[in-house]
């Protein structure tokens, strides 16, 4: 996606090429306003407001930038949540209470979630099969689900990420 944005900038479409860079700023401002999961796709709409943004290519670039934002946030939140679970796992060993590993369970749950997201968003793509909206539908699905998962993991980790 980043390479495509660079090509667009060189090819005379600077407004669209620069718009994806605004996605993290728009997302962070939305989150700071307390909108939580309602922030999913808000940065994409801001990005798509640039000239050329409402083309299929523009949509893919903007959605790709937002997916990158939420994916990175989700990975940070997952790492923080696993760290918290490792602490609880260590305490369970000290206490000898036989608690199963929360870190192992969380990693397994995240793996299943990733498979579910791929399948679910594959179905969204099928709804538009053969049309130019197929990739847009799949990306919108990925953005929405990844944003929700990032925020859920962030809450599990105690709010930081």
C-alpha atoms as a PDB file:
ATOM      1  CA  UNK A   1       0.000   0.000   0.000  1.00  0.00           C
ATOM      2  CA  UNK A   2       2.764   2.438   0.903  1.00  0.00           C
ATOM      3  CA  UNK A   3       4.497   1.856  -2.436  1.00  0.00           C
ATOM      4  CA  UNK A   4       1.234   2.491  -4.261  1.00  0.00           C
ATOM      5  CA  UNK A   5       0.769   5.770  -2.391  1.00  0.00           C
ATOM      6  CA  UNK A   6       4.297   6.819  -3.363  1.00  0.00           C
ATOM      7  CA  UNK A   7       3.608   6.015  -7.014  1.00  0.00           C
ATOM      8  CA  UNK A   8       0.408   8.075  -6.910  1.00  0.00           C
ATOM      9  CA  UNK A   9       2.270  11.026  -5.448  1.00  0.00           C
ATOM     10  CA  UNK A  10       4.818  10.898  -8.243  1.00  0.00           C
ATOM     11  CA  UNK A  11       2.077  10.401 -10.818  1.00  0.00           C
ATOM     12  CA  UNK A  12       0.266  13.667 -10.151  1.00  0.00           C
ATOM     13  CA  UNK A  13      -2.252  12.697  -7.472  1.00  0.00           C
ATOM     14  CA  UNK A  14      -0.628  14.296  -4.427  1.00  0.00           C
ATOM     15  CA  UNK A  15      -3.835  14.862  -2.464  1.00  0.00           C
ATOM     16  CA  UNK A  16      -4.783  11.184  -2.402  1.00  0.00           C
ATOM     17  CA  UNK A  17      -1.194  10.084  -1.874  1.00  0.00           C
ATOM     18  CA  UNK A  18      -0.887  12.271   1.224  1.00  0.00           C
ATOM     19  CA  UNK A  19      -4.296  11.426   2.696  1.00  0.00           C
ATOM     20  CA  UNK A  20      -3.381   7.969   4.064  1.00  0.00           C
ATOM     21  CA  UNK A  21      -0.736   9.646   6.230  1.00  0.00           C
ATOM     22  CA  UNK A  22      -3.579  11.401   8.069  1.00  0.00           C
ATOM     23  CA  UNK A  23      -5.307   8.137   9.035  1.00  0.00           C
ATOM     24  CA  UNK A  24      -3.465   7.660  12.365  1.00  0.00           C
ATOM     25  CA  UNK A  25      -4.108  11.277  13.379  1.00  0.00           C
ATOM     26  CA  UNK A  26      -7.830  11.047  12.604  1.00  0.00           C
ATOM     27  CA  UNK A  27      -8.089   7.687  14.384  1.00  0.00           C
ATOM     28  CA  UNK A  28      -6.275   8.907  17.509  1.00  0.00           C
ATOM     29  CA  UNK A  29      -8.435  12.043  17.698  1.00  0.00           C
ATOM     30  CA  UNK A  30     -11.569   9.939  17.391  1.00  0.00           C
ATOM     31  CA  UNK A  31     -10.371   7.592  20.128  1.00  0.00           C
ATOM     32  CA  UNK A  32      -9.393  10.538  22.327  1.00  0.00           C
ATOM     33  CA  UNK A  33     -12.978  11.776  21.946  1.00  0.00           C
ATOM     34  CA  UNK A  34     -14.139   8.523  23.561  1.00  0.00           C
ATOM     35  CA  UNK A  35     -15.860   7.036  20.520  1.00  0.00           C
ATOM     36  CA  UNK A  36     -14.141   3.641  20.854  1.00  0.00           C
ATOM     37  CA  UNK A  37     -15.180   1.088  18.238  1.00  0.00           C
ATOM     38  CA  UNK A  38     -17.282   3.747  16.486  1.00  0.00           C
ATOM     39  CA  UNK A  39     -13.961   5.138  15.247  1.00  0.00           C
ATOM     40  CA  UNK A  40     -13.573   2.241  12.804  1.00  0.00           C
ATOM     41  CA  UNK A  41     -13.824   3.548   9.232  1.00  0.00           C
ATOM     42  CA  UNK A  42     -13.913   7.223  10.328  1.00  0.00           C
ATOM     43  CA  UNK A  43     -10.278   7.707   9.217  1.00  0.00           C
ATOM     44  CA  UNK A  44     -11.053   6.029   5.902  1.00  0.00           C
ATOM     45  CA  UNK A  45     -13.917   8.422   5.244  1.00  0.00           C
ATOM     46  CA  UNK A  46     -11.632  11.382   5.989  1.00  0.00           C
ATOM     47  CA  UNK A  47      -8.974   9.944   3.696  1.00  0.00           C
ATOM     48  CA  UNK A  48     -11.468   9.274   0.911  1.00  0.00           C
ATOM     49  CA  UNK A  49     -12.603  12.908   1.003  1.00  0.00           C
ATOM     50  CA  UNK A  50      -9.401  13.787  -0.895  1.00  0.00           C
ATOM     51  CA  UNK A  51      -9.634  14.153  -4.672  1.00  0.00           C
ATOM     52  CA  UNK A  52      -9.610  10.647  -6.131  1.00  0.00           C
ATOM     53  CA  UNK A  53     -10.477   9.094  -2.796  1.00  0.00           C
ATOM     54  CA  UNK A  54     -13.853   7.753  -3.855  1.00  0.00           C
ATOM     55  CA  UNK A  55     -12.406   5.670  -6.660  1.00  0.00           C
ATOM     56  CA  UNK A  56     -11.908   1.966  -6.073  1.00  0.00           C
ATOM     57  CA  UNK A  57      -8.158   2.487  -5.924  1.00  0.00           C
ATOM     58  CA  UNK A  58      -8.573   5.415  -3.542  1.00  0.00           C
ATOM     59  CA  UNK A  59     -10.762   3.307  -1.283  1.00  0.00           C
ATOM     60  CA  UNK A  60      -8.235   0.494  -1.240  1.00  0.00           C
ATOM     61  CA  UNK A  61      -5.401   2.873  -0.370  1.00  0.00           C
ATOM     62  CA  UNK A  62      -7.357   4.553   2.441  1.00  0.00           C
ATOM     63  CA  UNK A  63      -8.700   1.295   3.851  1.00  0.00           C
ATOM     64  CA  UNK A  64      -5.236  -0.253   3.671  1.00  0.00           C
ATOM     65  CA  UNK A  65      -3.783   2.626   5.672  1.00  0.00           C
ATOM     66  CA  UNK A  66      -6.498   2.296   8.294  1.00  0.00           C
ATOM     67  CA  UNK A  67      -6.080  -1.478   8.481  1.00  0.00           C
ATOM     68  CA  UNK A  68      -2.344  -0.919   9.087  1.00  0.00           C
ATOM     69  CA  UNK A  69      -3.221   1.459  11.952  1.00  0.00           C
ATOM     70  CA  UNK A  70      -5.626  -0.945  13.685  1.00  0.00           C
ATOM     71  CA  UNK A  71      -3.414  -3.982  13.051  1.00  0.00           C
ATOM     72  CA  UNK A  72      -0.456  -2.276  14.745  1.00  0.00           C
ATOM     73  CA  UNK A  73      -2.663  -1.183  17.635  1.00  0.00           C
ATOM     74  CA  UNK A  74      -4.021  -4.707  17.985  1.00  0.00           C
ATOM     75  CA  UNK A  75      -0.526  -6.202  18.028  1.00  0.00           C
ATOM     76  CA  UNK A  76       0.584  -3.778  20.759  1.00  0.00           C
ATOM     77  CA  UNK A  77      -2.534  -4.532  22.798  1.00  0.00           C
ATOM     78  CA  UNK A  78      -2.055  -8.287  22.344  1.00  0.00           C
ATOM     79  CA  UNK A  79       1.545  -8.033  23.559  1.00  0.00           C
ATOM     80  CA  UNK A  80       0.418  -6.055  26.617  1.00  0.00           C
ATOM     81  CA  UNK A  81      -2.421  -8.485  27.353  1.00  0.00           C
ATOM     82  CA  UNK A  82      -0.077 -11.475  27.046  1.00  0.00           C
ATOM     83  CA  UNK A  83       2.396  -9.771  29.393  1.00  0.00           C
ATOM     84  CA  UNK A  84      -0.405  -9.353  31.933  1.00  0.00           C
ATOM     85  CA  UNK A  85      -1.392 -12.997  31.556  1.00  0.00           C
ATOM     86  CA  UNK A  86       2.226 -14.099  32.008  1.00  0.00           C
ATOM     87  CA  UNK A  87       2.262 -12.216  35.304  1.00  0.00           C
ATOM     88  CA  UNK A  88      -0.905 -14.013  36.405  1.00  0.00           C
ATOM     89  CA  UNK A  89       0.568 -17.316  35.205  1.00  0.00           C
ATOM     90  CA  UNK A  90       3.669 -16.746  37.345  1.00  0.00           C
ATOM     91  CA  UNK A  91       1.535 -15.921  40.370  1.00  0.00           C
ATOM     92  CA  UNK A  92      -0.548 -19.057  39.807  1.00  0.00           C
ATOM     93  CA  UNK A  93       2.640 -21.121  39.875  1.00  0.00           C
ATOM     94  CA  UNK A  94       3.675 -19.508  43.150  1.00  0.00           C
ATOM     95  CA  UNK A  95       0.207 -20.018  44.611  1.00  0.00           C
ATOM     96  CA  UNK A  96       0.018 -23.566  43.273  1.00  0.00           C
ATOM     97  CA  UNK A  97      -3.652 -23.120  42.412  1.00  0.00           C
ATOM     98  CA  UNK A  98      -3.494 -25.132  39.170  1.00  0.00           C
ATOM     99  CA  UNK A  99      -4.778 -22.260  37.032  1.00  0.00           C
ATOM    100  CA  UNK A 100      -4.245 -23.005  33.324  1.00  0.00           C
ATOM    101  CA  UNK A 101      -2.000 -20.584  31.474  1.00  0.00           C
ATOM    102  CA  UNK A 102      -3.795 -17.398  30.491  1.00  0.00           C
ATOM    103  CA  UNK A 103      -1.014 -16.526  28.048  1.00  0.00           C
ATOM    104  CA  UNK A 104      -1.432 -19.832  26.210  1.00  0.00           C
ATOM    105  CA  UNK A 105      -5.214 -19.419  26.166  1.00  0.00           C
ATOM    106  CA  UNK A 106      -4.983 -15.848  24.875  1.00  0.00           C
ATOM    107  CA  UNK A 107      -2.557 -16.800  22.097  1.00  0.00           C
ATOM    108  CA  UNK A 108      -4.866 -19.658  21.077  1.00  0.00           C
ATOM    109  CA  UNK A 109      -7.923 -17.401  21.140  1.00  0.00           C
ATOM    110  CA  UNK A 110      -6.160 -14.775  19.006  1.00  0.00           C
ATOM    111  CA  UNK A 111      -5.154 -17.419  16.466  1.00  0.00           C
ATOM    112  CA  UNK A 112      -8.744 -18.635  16.191  1.00  0.00           C
ATOM    113  CA  UNK A 113      -9.942 -15.028  15.939  1.00  0.00           C
ATOM    114  CA  UNK A 114      -7.539 -14.348  13.054  1.00  0.00           C
ATOM    115  CA  UNK A 115      -8.814 -17.409  11.187  1.00  0.00           C
ATOM    116  CA  UNK A 116     -12.413 -16.322  11.836  1.00  0.00           C
ATOM    117  CA  UNK A 117     -11.694 -12.785  10.572  1.00  0.00           C
ATOM    118  CA  UNK A 118     -10.177 -14.184   7.359  1.00  0.00           C
ATOM    119  CA  UNK A 119     -13.188 -16.435   6.759  1.00  0.00           C
ATOM    120  CA  UNK A 120     -15.761 -13.801   7.721  1.00  0.00           C
ATOM    121  CA  UNK A 121     -14.216 -11.122   5.528  1.00  0.00           C
ATOM    122  CA  UNK A 122     -13.823 -13.653   2.730  1.00  0.00           C
ATOM    123  CA  UNK A 123     -17.595 -13.973   2.839  1.00  0.00           C
ATOM    124  CA  UNK A 124     -17.905 -10.187   2.587  1.00  0.00           C
ATOM    125  CA  UNK A 125     -15.740 -10.345  -0.543  1.00  0.00           C
ATOM    126  CA  UNK A 126     -18.034 -13.020  -2.011  1.00  0.00           C
ATOM    127  CA  UNK A 127     -21.033 -10.701  -1.667  1.00  0.00           C
ATOM    128  CA  UNK A 128     -19.430  -8.520  -4.350  1.00  0.00           C
ATOM    129  CA  UNK A 129     -17.690 -11.265  -6.332  1.00  0.00           C
ATOM    130  CA  UNK A 130     -16.725 -10.210  -9.814  1.00  0.00           C
ATOM    131  CA  UNK A 131     -17.194  -6.535  -9.090  1.00  0.00           C
ATOM    132  CA  UNK A 132     -14.830  -3.743  -8.190  1.00  0.00           C
ATOM    133  CA  UNK A 133     -16.308  -3.578  -4.692  1.00  0.00           C
ATOM    134  CA  UNK A 134     -15.153  -7.059  -3.636  1.00  0.00           C
ATOM    135  CA  UNK A 135     -11.798  -5.928  -2.247  1.00  0.00           C
ATOM    136  CA  UNK A 136     -13.364  -2.824  -0.696  1.00  0.00           C
ATOM    137  CA  UNK A 137     -15.946  -4.980   1.118  1.00  0.00           C
ATOM    138  CA  UNK A 138     -13.250  -7.325   2.435  1.00  0.00           C
ATOM    139  CA  UNK A 139     -11.069  -4.430   3.590  1.00  0.00           C
ATOM    140  CA  UNK A 140     -13.983  -2.679   5.316  1.00  0.00           C
ATOM    141  CA  UNK A 141     -14.742  -5.919   7.121  1.00  0.00           C
ATOM    142  CA  UNK A 142     -11.101  -6.344   8.167  1.00  0.00           C
ATOM    143  CA  UNK A 143     -10.883  -2.764   9.424  1.00  0.00           C
ATOM    144  CA  UNK A 144     -14.075  -3.025  11.477  1.00  0.00           C
ATOM    145  CA  UNK A 145     -13.231  -6.369  13.045  1.00  0.00           C
ATOM    146  CA  UNK A 146      -9.594  -5.476  13.695  1.00  0.00           C
ATOM    147  CA  UNK A 147     -10.552  -2.194  15.357  1.00  0.00           C
ATOM    148  CA  UNK A 148     -12.992  -3.978  17.665  1.00  0.00           C
ATOM    149  CA  UNK A 149     -10.439  -6.674  18.526  1.00  0.00           C
ATOM    150  CA  UNK A 150      -7.709  -4.093  19.149  1.00  0.00           C
ATOM    151  CA  UNK A 151      -9.919  -2.239  21.594  1.00  0.00           C
ATOM    152  CA  UNK A 152     -11.043  -5.441  23.311  1.00  0.00           C
ATOM    153  CA  UNK A 153      -7.436  -6.564  23.774  1.00  0.00           C
ATOM    154  CA  UNK A 154      -6.492  -3.086  24.950  1.00  0.00           C
ATOM    155  CA  UNK A 155      -9.206  -3.246  27.620  1.00  0.00           C
ATOM    156  CA  UNK A 156      -8.017  -6.714  28.655  1.00  0.00           C
ATOM    157  CA  UNK A 157      -4.489  -5.326  29.010  1.00  0.00           C
ATOM    158  CA  UNK A 158      -5.746  -2.589  31.294  1.00  0.00           C
ATOM    159  CA  UNK A 159      -6.270   0.201  28.788  1.00  0.00           C
ATOM    160  CA  UNK A 160      -2.727   0.758  27.580  1.00  0.00           C
ATOM    161  CA  UNK A 161      -1.391  -0.072  24.141  1.00  0.00           C
END
